[in-house]
Amino acid sequence: MSGTYLRVGLMLVLSIALGIGLVLFLGQNRVSDGLAYETYFQETVQGLDVGSPVKYRGVQLGQVSTIGLVTASYAQAANNVREEMNRLVVVRFVVDPKKFGRTPNTQEAISAGLRTRLAAQGITGLAYLELDYVDPVKFPAAPVPWTPQQPVIPSMPSTISQIQDTAQALAAKLQDVDITGLATAFEGLMNDARTQVTSGDLHIVLAEAAALIKTLRTGADAADIAGLATELRETVAALRNLAGGQQSRDLLVATTKAAERLGDAATRLPALINTLELAVRRVNNSTADAQSELLPALRDARAAAASLRDTSETLRRYPASVLGAPPPRERP
């Protein structure tokens, strides 16, 4: 019996020691002195508790000190709970300045985009407060109608909240879509397509295409494409052999020599053309001189020929004029 009491007593002492150790372990990272801030959330802070870490890009800087409703912290917010601003959750936290060195100016950091948001710690359901810089235009700092007890760092929606908002907006848009009308239109489209395939214009086009393919296949079989390809390969081989033969090489050599001779003749051709031009000019000059000398003689010969023709005509008509007899008088 005494052994049982001894074991129970040892278990109690061990449990108390473990409890004290757990408390010391959990409280060793608590920030007692530091810079106090507060922020406000429009979404639920489920999973965030007092003592939850405050991190900046994964580095723990402090911890959450207080979580409550705005209406409990600021009396003027309880006057009109219909306004969304008065239904916020206030979260106060303390940051250890030793963790980030020089103390930044809060307003400058907020203008640069410093914001707070909720982040989840894996799949445990626990949350922590995350500090980060974002686009200040996309997530502007909303003013509050009361005087905050601590410097305020504005918040932004968490990633899960943004996903939920996007899903809700998508669901709202889908509610406005006429699903029944779309289903009816799609069914009509499928019926039209089925009709076209079975008996419509598309069926005729497909049948004609099949007939054309069959005709092309028959023509290809009749043309003996394989045989033509074999003959073409043999022709190419013969041409290759001919191009590489001795006669082809001799022909190329003769062609090269003829080209060289033509080149030499082409180089002598301008001088020959100049010589011919000089000869033509000399012939033209000689012809001009001969024409100037022959023209008077030709005119005299033409005149003599005209006189002779007149004399011959006179003798033909009046043969007696040779003897000096006058020509007979013409009758009136």
Protein backbone atom coordinates (compact mmCIF):
# COMPACT_ATOMS: atom_id res chain seq x y z
CA MET A 1 0.00 0.00 0.00
CA SER A 2 2.85 2.34 0.86
CA GLY A 3 4.45 1.56 -2.50
CA THR A 4 1.29 2.74 -4.29
CA TYR A 5 1.31 6.02 -2.39
CA LEU A 6 4.95 6.47 -3.25
CA ARG A 7 4.33 5.99 -6.95
CA VAL A 8 1.35 8.39 -6.90
CA GLY A 9 3.44 11.01 -5.08
CA LEU A 10 6.27 10.68 -7.60
CA MET A 11 3.83 11.10 -10.49
CA LEU A 12 2.37 14.25 -8.91
CA VAL A 13 5.81 15.76 -8.36
CA LEU A 14 6.81 14.90 -11.93
CA SER A 15 3.61 16.42 -13.31
CA ILE A 16 4.16 19.64 -11.36
CA ALA A 17 7.76 19.82 -12.62
CA LEU A 18 6.64 19.28 -16.21
CA GLY A 19 3.99 21.96 -15.84
CA ILE A 20 6.48 24.48 -14.48
CA GLY A 21 8.89 23.62 -17.32
CA LEU A 22 6.17 24.06 -19.92
CA VAL A 23 5.24 27.45 -18.52
CA LEU A 24 8.87 28.54 -18.53
CA PHE A 25 9.32 27.25 -22.06
CA LEU A 26 6.27 29.05 -23.38
CA GLY A 27 7.14 32.26 -21.58
CA GLN A 28 10.81 32.50 -22.49
CA ASN A 29 10.08 34.21 -25.85
CA ARG A 30 7.52 36.64 -24.51
CA VAL A 31 8.32 40.30 -25.13
CA SER A 32 7.90 42.27 -21.91
CA ASP A 33 9.29 45.56 -23.18
CA GLY A 34 9.09 46.85 -26.72
CA LEU A 35 7.24 49.05 -29.17
CA ALA A 36 3.46 48.70 -28.94
CA TYR A 37 1.23 48.95 -32.02
CA GLU A 38 -2.33 48.11 -32.90
CA THR A 39 -4.21 47.15 -36.04
CA TYR A 40 -7.79 46.45 -37.07
CA PHE A 41 -9.30 43.55 -38.99
CA GLN A 42 -12.63 43.26 -40.79
CA GLU A 43 -12.31 39.49 -41.04
CA THR A 44 -12.33 36.80 -38.40
CA VAL A 45 -9.16 36.32 -36.35
CA GLN A 46 -9.89 32.68 -35.59
CA GLY A 47 -6.64 30.91 -34.63
CA LEU A 48 -4.92 34.10 -33.41
CA ASP A 49 -4.40 34.21 -29.63
CA VAL A 50 -2.60 36.37 -27.11
CA GLY A 51 1.04 35.37 -27.34
CA SER A 52 0.85 34.48 -31.04
CA PRO A 53 4.05 35.50 -32.85
CA VAL A 54 4.45 38.63 -34.94
CA LYS A 55 6.73 37.94 -37.91
CA TYR A 56 8.28 39.87 -40.75
CA ARG A 57 8.99 37.59 -43.71
CA GLY A 58 9.41 34.60 -41.41
CA VAL A 59 11.50 36.36 -38.74
CA GLN A 60 9.76 36.67 -35.38
CA LEU A 61 9.86 40.27 -34.12
CA GLY A 62 7.29 40.21 -31.31
CA GLN A 63 4.00 38.81 -30.14
CA VAL A 64 0.31 39.63 -29.81
CA SER A 65 -0.58 41.28 -26.50
CA THR A 66 -4.33 41.97 -26.74
CA ILE A 67 -7.26 40.87 -28.92
CA GLY A 68 -10.67 42.47 -28.61
CA LEU A 69 -13.52 44.34 -30.28
CA VAL A 70 -13.35 47.99 -31.19
CA THR A 71 -16.61 48.64 -29.37
CA ALA A 72 -15.00 47.45 -26.11
CA SER A 73 -11.88 49.58 -26.50
CA TYR A 74 -13.37 52.78 -27.88
CA ALA A 75 -16.70 54.02 -26.50
CA GLN A 76 -17.45 56.27 -29.48
CA ALA A 77 -17.44 53.18 -31.74
CA ALA A 78 -20.37 51.69 -29.79
CA ASN A 79 -22.71 54.50 -30.74
CA ASN A 80 -23.42 53.18 -34.23
CA VAL A 81 -22.79 49.49 -34.76
CA ARG A 82 -24.44 49.62 -38.17
CA GLU A 83 -21.28 51.08 -39.66
CA GLU A 84 -18.75 48.52 -40.79
CA MET A 85 -15.93 50.49 -39.18
CA ASN A 86 -17.50 49.91 -35.76
CA ARG A 87 -17.51 46.12 -36.15
CA LEU A 88 -13.74 45.76 -36.41
CA VAL A 89 -11.47 43.57 -34.30
CA VAL A 90 -8.57 45.38 -32.65
CA VAL A 91 -5.30 43.50 -32.22
CA ARG A 92 -2.47 45.03 -30.20
CA PHE A 93 1.05 43.66 -30.39
CA VAL A 94 4.53 44.40 -29.10
CA VAL A 95 7.65 44.40 -31.27
CA ASP A 96 11.16 43.95 -29.89
CA PRO A 97 13.31 46.74 -31.43
CA LYS A 98 16.44 44.61 -30.94
CA LYS A 99 15.15 42.25 -33.63
CA PHE A 100 15.19 44.81 -36.44
CA GLY A 101 17.84 47.29 -35.31
CA ARG A 102 17.15 50.97 -35.97
CA THR A 103 13.60 51.98 -35.12
CA PRO A 104 11.82 52.97 -38.35
CA ASN A 105 9.51 55.94 -38.69
CA THR A 106 6.01 54.49 -38.53
CA GLN A 107 4.37 56.96 -40.92
CA GLU A 108 7.14 56.60 -43.50
CA ALA A 109 6.87 52.81 -43.30
CA ILE A 110 3.08 52.98 -43.71
CA SER A 111 3.44 55.32 -46.71
CA ALA A 112 5.91 52.81 -48.21
CA GLY A 113 3.32 50.03 -47.88
CA LEU A 114 3.86 48.43 -44.46
CA ARG A 115 0.75 46.39 -43.61
CA THR A 116 -0.35 43.63 -41.22
CA ARG A 117 -2.27 40.50 -42.16
CA LEU A 118 -3.23 37.15 -40.71
CA ALA A 119 -1.26 34.12 -41.81
CA ALA A 120 -1.75 30.45 -41.01
CA GLN A 121 0.91 28.23 -39.44
CA GLY A 122 0.69 25.19 -41.67
CA ILE A 123 -2.39 22.99 -41.22
CA THR A 124 -2.61 23.33 -37.43
CA GLY A 125 -5.28 26.02 -37.57
CA LEU A 126 -3.11 28.42 -35.57
CA ALA A 127 -2.46 31.89 -36.94
CA TYR A 128 0.15 34.57 -36.49
CA LEU A 129 0.44 38.23 -37.36
CA GLU A 130 2.59 38.97 -40.38
CA LEU A 131 4.18 42.31 -41.28
CA ASP A 132 5.10 42.98 -44.89
CA TYR A 133 5.37 45.70 -47.52
CA VAL A 134 2.74 45.71 -50.27
CA ASP A 135 1.41 48.12 -52.88
CA PRO A 136 -0.01 51.06 -50.88
CA VAL A 137 -2.30 52.02 -53.78
CA LYS A 138 -3.87 48.56 -53.93
CA PHE A 139 -4.21 48.37 -50.15
CA PRO A 140 -4.71 51.94 -48.87
CA ALA A 141 -4.66 52.87 -45.18
CA ALA A 142 -8.24 53.47 -43.97
CA PRO A 143 -8.63 56.20 -41.31
CA VAL A 144 -10.59 55.55 -38.12
CA PRO A 145 -13.00 57.97 -36.41
CA TRP A 146 -11.42 57.58 -32.95
CA THR A 147 -8.07 58.34 -31.38
CA PRO A 148 -6.02 55.12 -31.24
CA GLN A 149 -4.31 54.21 -27.99
CA GLN A 150 -1.23 52.94 -29.84
CA PRO A 151 0.33 53.77 -33.23
CA VAL A 152 -1.72 52.05 -35.92
CA ILE A 153 -0.28 49.90 -38.68
CA PRO A 154 -3.07 49.34 -41.25
CA SER A 155 -4.13 45.84 -42.10
CA MET A 156 -4.87 44.07 -45.35
CA PRO A 157 -7.02 41.00 -46.11
CA SER A 158 -5.34 37.65 -45.62
CA THR A 159 -4.69 35.33 -48.55
CA ILE A 160 -7.57 33.07 -47.50
CA SER A 161 -9.86 36.08 -47.20
CA GLN A 162 -8.89 37.29 -50.68
CA ILE A 163 -9.59 33.83 -52.09
CA GLN A 164 -12.96 33.74 -50.37
CA ASP A 165 -13.86 37.21 -51.67
CA THR A 166 -12.88 36.18 -55.19
CA ALA A 167 -14.92 32.98 -54.91
CA GLN A 168 -17.93 34.92 -53.62
CA ALA A 169 -17.65 37.43 -56.47
CA LEU A 170 -17.42 34.58 -58.96
CA ALA A 171 -20.43 32.87 -57.39
CA ALA A 172 -22.39 36.14 -57.59
CA LYS A 173 -21.56 36.43 -61.28
CA LEU A 174 -22.52 32.81 -61.87
CA GLN A 175 -25.89 33.47 -60.26
CA ASP A 176 -26.60 36.06 -62.92
CA VAL A 177 -25.79 33.60 -65.71
CA ASP A 178 -28.76 31.89 -67.37
CA ILE A 179 -27.58 28.31 -66.93
CA THR A 180 -30.85 26.90 -68.28
CA GLY A 181 -30.65 29.05 -71.39
CA LEU A 182 -27.03 28.05 -71.95
CA ALA A 183 -27.91 24.38 -71.55
CA THR A 184 -30.80 24.75 -74.02
CA ALA A 185 -28.59 26.57 -76.53
CA PHE A 186 -25.87 23.94 -76.16
CA GLU A 187 -28.39 21.15 -76.66
CA GLY A 188 -29.69 22.86 -79.81
CA LEU A 189 -26.14 23.26 -81.06
CA MET A 190 -25.44 19.57 -80.51
CA ASN A 191 -28.66 18.62 -82.32
CA ASP A 192 -27.72 20.84 -85.28
CA ALA A 193 -24.25 19.32 -85.38
CA ARG A 194 -25.71 15.80 -85.27
CA THR A 195 -28.10 16.66 -88.11
CA GLN A 196 -25.28 18.09 -90.20
CA VAL A 197 -23.16 15.00 -89.68
CA THR A 198 -25.93 12.53 -90.46
CA SER A 199 -27.87 14.15 -93.34
CA GLY A 200 -26.87 17.79 -93.80
CA ASP A 201 -24.35 19.64 -95.89
CA LEU A 202 -21.51 18.42 -93.72
CA HIS A 203 -22.53 14.82 -94.44
CA ILE A 204 -22.39 15.55 -98.19
CA VAL A 205 -18.99 17.21 -97.88
CA LEU A 206 -17.63 14.27 -95.88
CA ALA A 207 -18.98 11.80 -98.44
CA GLU A 208 -17.42 13.75 -101.31
CA ALA A 209 -14.14 13.96 -99.41
CA ALA A 210 -14.18 10.20 -98.84
CA ALA A 211 -14.87 9.62 -102.56
CA LEU A 212 -12.04 11.98 -103.51
CA ILE A 213 -9.63 10.20 -101.19
CA LYS A 214 -10.64 6.87 -102.66
CA THR A 215 -10.11 8.19 -106.21
CA LEU A 216 -6.71 9.57 -105.27
CA ARG A 217 -5.74 6.24 -103.73
CA THR A 218 -6.85 4.39 -106.87
CA GLY A 219 -4.92 6.81 -109.07
CA ALA A 220 -1.82 6.46 -106.93
CA ASP A 221 -2.03 2.67 -107.14
CA ALA A 222 -2.49 2.83 -110.93
CA ALA A 223 0.39 5.25 -111.39
CA ASP A 224 2.83 2.87 -109.69
CA ILE A 225 4.43 5.52 -107.52
CA ALA A 226 6.96 3.02 -106.21
CA GLY A 227 8.11 2.16 -109.74
CA LEU A 228 8.34 5.83 -110.68
CA ALA A 229 10.44 6.49 -107.59
CA THR A 230 12.78 3.63 -108.52
CA GLU A 231 13.17 4.96 -112.07
CA LEU A 232 13.77 8.44 -110.74
CA ARG A 233 16.52 7.16 -108.46
CA GLU A 234 18.12 5.31 -111.39
CA THR A 235 17.94 8.45 -113.55
CA VAL A 236 19.57 10.51 -110.81
CA ALA A 237 22.31 7.90 -110.44
CA ALA A 238 22.92 7.92 -114.23
CA LEU A 239 23.11 11.72 -114.24
CA ARG A 240 25.54 11.59 -111.33
CA ASN A 241 27.71 9.08 -113.20
CA LEU A 242 27.54 11.19 -116.35
CA ALA A 243 28.52 14.32 -114.46
CA GLY A 244 31.46 12.53 -112.92
CA GLY A 245 32.62 10.87 -116.24
CA GLN A 246 35.63 11.74 -118.42
CA GLN A 247 33.48 13.22 -121.21
CA SER A 248 31.85 15.65 -118.82
CA ARG A 249 35.25 16.72 -117.49
CA ASP A 250 36.56 17.19 -121.08
CA LEU A 251 33.45 19.20 -121.94
CA LEU A 252 34.00 21.41 -118.92
CA VAL A 253 37.65 21.95 -119.91
CA ALA A 254 36.66 22.84 -123.51
CA THR A 255 33.96 25.18 -122.23
CA THR A 256 36.49 26.87 -119.97
CA LYS A 257 38.91 27.38 -122.89
CA ALA A 258 36.12 28.73 -125.11
CA ALA A 259 35.14 31.13 -122.37
CA GLU A 260 38.74 32.30 -122.10
CA ARG A 261 38.90 32.86 -125.87
CA LEU A 262 35.65 34.76 -125.83
CA GLY A 263 37.07 36.89 -123.04
CA ASP A 264 40.16 37.68 -125.13
CA ALA A 265 37.99 38.52 -128.15
CA ALA A 266 35.81 40.72 -125.98
CA THR A 267 38.90 42.63 -124.82
CA ARG A 268 39.98 43.23 -128.49
CA LEU A 269 36.48 44.10 -129.68
CA PRO A 270 36.50 47.82 -128.59
CA ALA A 271 39.67 48.54 -130.63
CA LEU A 272 38.12 46.83 -133.70
CA ILE A 273 34.97 48.86 -133.31
CA ASN A 274 37.00 52.10 -133.20
CA THR A 275 38.86 51.09 -136.40
CA LEU A 276 35.58 50.36 -138.21
CA GLU A 277 34.19 53.72 -137.14
CA LEU A 278 37.23 55.53 -138.62
CA ALA A 279 36.90 53.58 -141.88
CA VAL A 280 33.19 54.39 -142.15
CA ARG A 281 33.95 58.05 -141.58
CA ARG A 282 36.57 58.00 -144.34
CA VAL A 283 34.16 56.30 -146.77
CA ASN A 284 31.49 58.86 -145.97
CA ASN A 285 33.96 61.70 -146.65
CA SER A 286 35.04 60.16 -149.98
CA THR A 287 31.43 59.63 -151.02
CA ALA A 288 30.61 63.27 -150.25
CA ASP A 289 33.52 64.47 -152.46
CA ALA A 290 32.50 62.16 -155.30
CA GLN A 291 28.92 63.34 -155.08
CA SER A 292 30.04 66.99 -155.28
CA GLU A 293 32.00 66.25 -158.49
CA LEU A 294 29.44 64.00 -160.13
CA LEU A 295 26.38 66.20 -159.66
CA PRO A 296 27.34 68.81 -162.37
CA ALA A 297 28.28 66.05 -164.82
CA LEU A 298 25.01 64.32 -164.18
CA ARG A 299 23.08 67.53 -164.79
CA ASP A 300 24.93 68.09 -168.12
CA ALA A 301 24.31 64.48 -169.11
CA ARG A 302 20.62 64.85 -168.24
CA ALA A 303 20.41 68.02 -170.40
CA ALA A 304 22.22 66.31 -173.30
CA ALA A 305 19.91 63.33 -173.03
CA ALA A 306 16.87 65.68 -173.16
CA SER A 307 18.25 67.47 -176.29
CA LEU A 308 18.98 64.14 -177.95
CA ARG A 309 15.48 62.92 -177.16
CA ASP A 310 13.97 66.06 -178.71
CA THR A 311 16.12 65.68 -181.83
CA SER A 312 15.19 62.04 -182.17
CA GLU A 313 11.50 62.90 -181.85
CA THR A 314 11.85 65.63 -184.49
CA LEU A 315 13.64 63.26 -186.89
CA ARG A 316 11.01 60.63 -186.33
CA ARG A 317 8.25 63.02 -187.14
CA TYR A 318 10.04 65.02 -189.86
CA PRO A 319 12.72 62.90 -191.52
CA ALA A 320 13.21 65.57 -194.20
CA SER A 321 14.61 67.99 -191.73
CA VAL A 322 17.93 66.17 -192.06
CA LEU A 323 18.26 67.65 -195.51
CA GLY A 324 17.47 71.14 -194.28
CA ALA A 325 13.83 71.21 -195.53
CA PRO A 326 11.52 73.07 -193.23
CA PRO A 327 8.82 71.16 -191.45
CA PRO A 328 5.37 71.21 -193.09
CA ARG A 329 2.88 73.67 -191.82
CA GLU A 330 0.12 72.48 -189.74
CA ARG A 331 -3.38 72.84 -191.07
CA PRO A 332 -5.66 75.19 -189.30
